[in-house]
């Protein structure tokens, strides 16, 4: 399954490292304003939980955590 994330924040958004640990594949490292990023979820997972943090001067970071199909 693939999901699209549209960055409408007006700021760069980085990918949280745990997104990769959870097995997601991502088509870019930094999501620039008004860009779409595609997250490919591991097989056997469903819609993920998505969380974003604002680190102030260090920028925004997005975490994608897939859920099991169970």
N, C-alpha and C. Protein backbone atom coordinates (compact mmCIF):
# COMPACT_ATOMS: atom_id res chain seq x y z
N UNK A 1 0.85 -1.17 0.00
CA UNK A 1 0.00 0.00 0.00
C UNK A 1 0.90 1.24 0.00
N UNK A 2 0.47 2.23 -0.72
CA UNK A 2 1.18 3.51 -0.77
C UNK A 2 0.25 4.61 -0.27
N UNK A 3 0.83 5.58 0.44
CA UNK A 3 0.08 6.76 0.84
C UNK A 3 0.85 7.99 0.39
N UNK A 4 0.12 9.05 0.13
CA UNK A 4 0.74 10.32 -0.26
C UNK A 4 0.63 11.30 0.89
N UNK A 5 1.72 12.03 1.11
CA UNK A 5 1.76 13.08 2.12
C UNK A 5 2.06 14.38 1.40
N UNK A 6 1.15 15.34 1.51
CA UNK A 6 1.33 16.65 0.88
C UNK A 6 1.80 17.64 1.93
N UNK A 7 2.94 18.27 1.68
CA UNK A 7 3.50 19.23 2.63
C UNK A 7 2.92 20.61 2.35
N UNK A 8 1.93 20.98 3.16
CA UNK A 8 1.34 22.31 3.04
C UNK A 8 1.73 23.20 4.22
N UNK A 9 2.83 22.86 4.89
CA UNK A 9 3.25 23.60 6.09
C UNK A 9 3.99 24.89 5.78
N UNK A 10 4.54 24.99 4.57
CA UNK A 10 5.37 26.15 4.25
C UNK A 10 6.80 25.99 4.73
N UNK A 11 7.12 24.83 5.29
CA UNK A 11 8.47 24.54 5.81
C UNK A 11 8.92 23.17 5.32
N UNK A 12 10.25 22.95 5.35
CA UNK A 12 10.77 21.63 5.02
C UNK A 12 10.36 20.64 6.11
N UNK A 13 10.08 19.39 5.71
CA UNK A 13 9.73 18.33 6.65
C UNK A 13 10.69 17.17 6.42
N UNK A 14 11.37 16.74 7.48
CA UNK A 14 12.26 15.58 7.37
C UNK A 14 11.50 14.31 7.73
N UNK A 15 12.06 13.17 7.35
CA UNK A 15 11.46 11.87 7.65
C UNK A 15 12.09 11.36 8.94
N UNK A 16 11.27 11.07 9.93
CA UNK A 16 11.77 10.54 11.20
C UNK A 16 12.43 9.18 10.93
N UNK A 17 13.61 8.92 11.51
CA UNK A 17 14.32 7.66 11.25
C UNK A 17 13.51 6.40 11.56
N UNK A 18 12.62 6.45 12.53
CA UNK A 18 11.81 5.27 12.87
C UNK A 18 10.88 4.86 11.73
N UNK A 19 10.58 5.77 10.83
CA UNK A 19 9.76 5.43 9.66
C UNK A 19 10.43 4.31 8.86
N UNK A 20 11.75 4.42 8.70
CA UNK A 20 12.51 3.40 7.97
C UNK A 20 12.61 2.11 8.78
N UNK A 21 12.77 2.24 10.09
CA UNK A 21 12.86 1.07 10.98
C UNK A 21 11.57 0.25 10.90
N UNK A 22 10.43 0.93 10.73
CA UNK A 22 9.14 0.25 10.62
C UNK A 22 8.93 -0.37 9.23
N UNK A 23 9.92 -0.24 8.34
CA UNK A 23 9.86 -0.91 7.04
C UNK A 23 9.28 -0.10 5.90
N UNK A 24 9.02 1.19 6.12
CA UNK A 24 8.48 2.03 5.05
C UNK A 24 9.58 2.43 4.08
N UNK A 25 9.20 2.51 2.81
CA UNK A 25 10.10 3.05 1.79
C UNK A 25 9.56 4.43 1.42
N UNK A 26 10.47 5.38 1.25
CA UNK A 26 10.10 6.77 1.00
C UNK A 26 10.84 7.26 -0.23
N UNK A 27 10.18 8.09 -1.05
CA UNK A 27 10.80 8.51 -2.30
C UNK A 27 11.64 9.79 -2.18
N UNK A 28 11.81 10.32 -0.96
CA UNK A 28 12.68 11.49 -0.76
C UNK A 28 13.08 11.59 0.71
N UNK A 29 14.14 12.35 0.98
CA UNK A 29 14.64 12.52 2.35
C UNK A 29 14.03 13.74 3.03
N UNK A 30 13.86 14.80 2.27
CA UNK A 30 13.27 16.05 2.78
C UNK A 30 12.07 16.37 1.90
N UNK A 31 10.95 16.70 2.55
CA UNK A 31 9.75 17.07 1.80
C UNK A 31 9.67 18.59 1.82
N UNK A 32 9.87 19.18 0.69
CA UNK A 32 9.85 20.64 0.56
C UNK A 32 8.40 21.14 0.55
N UNK A 33 8.19 22.43 0.85
CA UNK A 33 6.82 22.97 0.78
C UNK A 33 6.18 22.75 -0.59
N UNK A 34 4.94 22.41 -0.58
CA UNK A 34 4.11 22.16 -1.77
C UNK A 34 4.60 20.94 -2.56
N UNK A 35 5.29 20.00 -1.91
CA UNK A 35 5.69 18.75 -2.54
C UNK A 35 4.86 17.60 -1.97
N UNK A 36 4.78 16.54 -2.75
CA UNK A 36 4.12 15.30 -2.32
C UNK A 36 5.20 14.25 -2.11
N UNK A 37 5.10 13.53 -1.01
CA UNK A 37 6.01 12.43 -0.71
C UNK A 37 5.18 11.16 -0.67
N UNK A 38 5.71 10.09 -1.27
CA UNK A 38 5.01 8.82 -1.28
C UNK A 38 5.68 7.87 -0.30
N UNK A 39 4.88 7.34 0.63
CA UNK A 39 5.33 6.36 1.60
C UNK A 39 4.79 5.00 1.16
N UNK A 40 5.68 4.04 0.93
CA UNK A 40 5.27 2.69 0.58
C UNK A 40 5.35 1.85 1.84
N UNK A 41 4.18 1.34 2.27
CA UNK A 41 4.10 0.58 3.51
C UNK A 41 4.51 -0.87 3.26
N UNK A 42 5.06 -1.53 4.29
CA UNK A 42 5.44 -2.94 4.14
C UNK A 42 4.22 -3.81 3.85
N UNK A 43 4.45 -4.91 3.18
CA UNK A 43 3.38 -5.85 2.88
C UNK A 43 2.77 -6.37 4.19
N UNK A 44 1.45 -6.52 4.19
CA UNK A 44 0.77 -7.02 5.38
C UNK A 44 0.42 -5.96 6.39
N UNK A 45 0.52 -4.69 5.98
CA UNK A 45 0.16 -3.59 6.89
C UNK A 45 -0.97 -2.77 6.27
N UNK A 46 -1.60 -1.98 7.12
CA UNK A 46 -2.71 -1.15 6.68
C UNK A 46 -2.38 0.32 6.90
N UNK A 47 -3.41 1.14 6.86
CA UNK A 47 -3.20 2.57 7.04
C UNK A 47 -2.40 2.86 8.29
N UNK A 48 -1.43 3.73 8.19
CA UNK A 48 -0.52 3.98 9.31
C UNK A 48 -1.02 5.08 10.25
N UNK A 49 -0.35 5.14 11.37
CA UNK A 49 -0.47 6.31 12.23
C UNK A 49 0.58 7.29 11.74
N UNK A 50 0.23 8.57 11.69
CA UNK A 50 1.16 9.59 11.23
C UNK A 50 1.26 10.65 12.31
N UNK A 51 2.49 10.97 12.69
CA UNK A 51 2.73 11.95 13.75
C UNK A 51 3.77 12.95 13.25
N UNK A 52 3.57 14.21 13.57
CA UNK A 52 4.53 15.24 13.17
C UNK A 52 4.99 16.01 14.41
N UNK A 53 6.29 16.28 14.45
CA UNK A 53 6.87 17.07 15.52
C UNK A 53 7.43 18.37 14.97
N UNK A 54 7.34 19.41 15.76
CA UNK A 54 7.93 20.70 15.43
C UNK A 54 9.10 20.93 16.37
N UNK A 55 10.32 20.87 15.83
CA UNK A 55 11.52 21.05 16.62
C UNK A 55 12.02 22.50 16.59
N UNK A 56 11.13 23.41 16.26
CA UNK A 56 11.51 24.83 16.24
C UNK A 56 12.53 25.11 15.16
N UNK A 57 13.71 25.60 15.56
CA UNK A 57 14.77 25.95 14.62
C UNK A 57 15.28 24.74 13.83
N UNK A 58 15.12 23.54 14.36
CA UNK A 58 15.61 22.34 13.69
C UNK A 58 14.61 21.81 12.66
N UNK A 59 13.41 22.37 12.62
CA UNK A 59 12.44 22.01 11.59
C UNK A 59 11.38 21.02 12.03
N UNK A 60 10.63 20.55 11.05
CA UNK A 60 9.55 19.60 11.27
C UNK A 60 10.02 18.19 10.89
N UNK A 61 9.43 17.19 11.54
CA UNK A 61 9.74 15.80 11.24
C UNK A 61 8.43 15.01 11.26
N UNK A 62 8.28 14.09 10.30
CA UNK A 62 7.08 13.26 10.22
C UNK A 62 7.46 11.80 10.43
N UNK A 63 6.64 11.11 11.24
CA UNK A 63 6.82 9.68 11.52
C UNK A 63 5.61 8.94 10.96
N UNK A 64 5.87 7.88 10.18
CA UNK A 64 4.82 7.03 9.65
C UNK A 64 5.03 5.64 10.25
N UNK A 65 4.00 5.17 10.99
CA UNK A 65 4.06 3.86 11.65
C UNK A 65 2.93 2.98 11.11
N UNK A 66 3.26 1.98 10.28
CA UNK A 66 2.22 1.11 9.73
C UNK A 66 1.60 0.23 10.81
N UNK A 67 0.33 -0.12 10.63
CA UNK A 67 -0.37 -1.03 11.54
C UNK A 67 -0.48 -2.40 10.88
N UNK A 68 -0.46 -3.45 11.70
CA UNK A 68 -0.64 -4.80 11.17
C UNK A 68 -2.06 -4.97 10.67
N UNK A 69 -2.25 -5.87 9.70
CA UNK A 69 -3.57 -6.13 9.15
C UNK A 69 -4.52 -6.79 10.14
N UNK A 70 -4.00 -7.33 11.22
CA UNK A 70 -4.83 -8.06 12.19
C UNK A 70 -5.98 -7.24 12.62
